[in-house]
C-alpha cells in the first residue's frame, strides 16, 4: 500500500531552520506532483508548497522566499527546507501525493 512518512520536525527558535523529509513507497513517485501542507491548532489545513514532476514549484505567499520544496526521484522523497522560521509557522506539516497523506510532523517555533 501507499505510505508517506514525514520526519525532521522539532522545536526551533525564531529565525532558525529545519529540513523536513517525506519518504514515499507503494506509488510511482516520479510521475506525480507532491505537496506540503500544514495545520495549526484551530485552523484549517493549508497548502504550503507544491512541486511538479518537472520540478516547477509554487508557494503560499506567507512562506515565499523562506521555504524551499525539492524532490529526489531516486529516493522517492520530497523535502521542505524551512528558513527564517516565525512563530506563526508553528503547525503540523503533512506531505501529500494524490489522495494520500502522511501522519504529519510537528514544527514548533518558539523562544
Protein backbone atom coordinates (compact mmCIF):
# COMPACT_ATOMS: atom_id res chain seq x y z
CA UNK A 1 0.00 0.00 0.00
CA UNK A 2 0.96 3.63 -0.32
CA UNK A 3 2.91 5.06 2.59
CA UNK A 4 4.17 8.58 3.23
CA UNK A 5 6.41 9.10 6.23
CA UNK A 6 7.39 12.61 7.31
CA UNK A 7 10.35 13.43 9.52
CA UNK A 8 12.51 16.35 10.54
CA UNK A 9 10.15 18.39 12.66
CA UNK A 10 11.03 19.79 16.06
CA UNK A 11 11.35 22.82 18.29
CA UNK A 12 13.32 25.74 16.90
CA UNK A 13 13.83 29.36 17.87
CA UNK A 14 12.52 32.17 15.69
CA UNK A 15 14.88 32.74 12.80
CA UNK A 16 16.00 29.14 12.85
CA UNK A 17 15.83 26.44 10.19
CA UNK A 18 14.55 22.92 9.76
CA UNK A 19 14.52 20.44 6.92
CA UNK A 20 11.50 18.19 6.58
CA UNK A 21 11.57 14.94 4.62
CA UNK A 22 8.76 12.80 3.26
CA UNK A 23 9.68 9.31 2.15
CA UNK A 24 7.14 7.55 -0.04
CA UNK A 25 6.55 3.95 -1.01
CA UNK A 26 3.94 1.98 -2.89
CA UNK A 27 3.41 4.62 -5.56
CA UNK A 28 5.28 5.72 -8.67
CA UNK A 29 6.80 8.81 -7.15
CA UNK A 30 8.42 10.28 -10.24
CA UNK A 31 5.19 10.79 -12.20
CA UNK A 32 3.28 12.60 -9.50
CA UNK A 33 3.27 16.10 -8.14
CA UNK A 34 3.94 16.41 -4.43
CA UNK A 35 2.77 18.90 -1.87
CA UNK A 36 3.46 20.04 1.66
CA UNK A 37 0.58 21.30 3.77
CA UNK A 38 0.32 22.47 7.36
CA UNK A 39 -2.35 22.73 10.00
CA UNK A 40 -2.11 24.92 13.04
CA UNK A 41 -4.32 24.38 16.12
CA UNK A 42 -7.85 25.59 15.47
CA UNK A 43 -7.14 26.32 11.82
CA UNK A 44 -7.80 24.60 8.53
CA UNK A 45 -5.10 22.69 6.70
CA UNK A 46 -3.40 24.95 4.19
CA UNK A 47 -1.13 24.46 1.23
CA UNK A 48 2.49 25.44 1.85
CA UNK A 49 4.30 24.34 -1.32
CA UNK A 50 3.90 22.21 -4.43
CA UNK A 51 6.41 20.66 -6.79
CA UNK A 52 5.54 19.16 -10.16
CA UNK A 53 7.16 16.20 -11.87
CA UNK A 54 9.32 18.61 -13.86
CA UNK A 55 10.43 20.43 -10.73
CA UNK A 56 8.25 23.51 -11.10
CA UNK A 57 7.37 24.92 -7.68
CA UNK A 58 4.62 27.01 -6.17
CA UNK A 59 4.46 28.51 -2.68
CA UNK A 60 1.98 30.10 -0.35
CA UNK A 61 2.59 33.84 -0.09
CA UNK A 62 3.32 33.51 3.62
CA UNK A 63 6.38 31.30 3.01
CA UNK A 64 7.77 32.64 -0.28
CA UNK A 65 11.46 33.39 -0.01
CA UNK A 66 11.79 31.40 3.23
CA UNK A 67 10.78 27.84 2.36
CA UNK A 68 12.07 25.65 -0.46
CA UNK A 69 10.48 22.45 -1.73
CA UNK A 70 12.56 19.90 -3.61
CA UNK A 71 12.37 16.29 -4.64
CA UNK A 72 14.73 13.39 -5.22
CA UNK A 73 13.15 10.89 -7.58
CA UNK A 74 15.95 8.38 -6.96
CA UNK A 75 14.99 8.26 -3.28
CA UNK A 76 11.21 8.71 -3.71
CA UNK A 77 11.49 11.58 -1.26
CA UNK A 78 10.29 15.17 -1.15
CA UNK A 79 11.87 17.79 1.09
CA UNK A 80 10.87 21.10 2.58
CA UNK A 81 13.62 23.45 3.75
CA UNK A 82 12.27 25.91 6.27
CA UNK A 83 14.40 29.02 6.88
CA UNK A 84 13.82 32.22 8.83
CA UNK A 85 11.12 30.49 10.83
CA UNK A 86 8.48 32.53 12.62
CA UNK A 87 6.16 31.61 15.50
CA UNK A 88 3.26 31.66 13.05
CA UNK A 89 4.89 28.78 11.16
CA UNK A 90 4.09 26.53 14.12
CA UNK A 91 1.92 23.69 12.84
CA UNK A 92 1.80 20.03 11.96
CA UNK A 93 3.28 19.65 8.49
CA UNK A 94 1.93 16.97 6.15
CA UNK A 95 3.09 15.73 2.78
CA UNK A 96 0.61 14.76 0.11
CA UNK A 97 0.57 12.82 -3.14
CA UNK A 98 -2.73 12.35 -4.97
CA UNK A 99 -5.24 11.26 -2.26
CA UNK A 100 -2.59 10.06 0.16
CA UNK A 101 -1.31 11.81 3.29
CA UNK A 102 1.43 11.20 5.77
CA UNK A 103 0.94 11.24 9.52
CA UNK A 104 2.47 14.67 9.90
CA UNK A 105 5.47 16.11 11.71
CA UNK A 106 5.24 18.85 14.34
CA UNK A 107 7.11 22.10 13.83
CA UNK A 108 7.17 24.45 16.81
CA UNK A 109 8.79 27.86 16.56
CA UNK A 110 9.25 29.43 19.96
CA UNK A 111 11.85 31.18 22.07
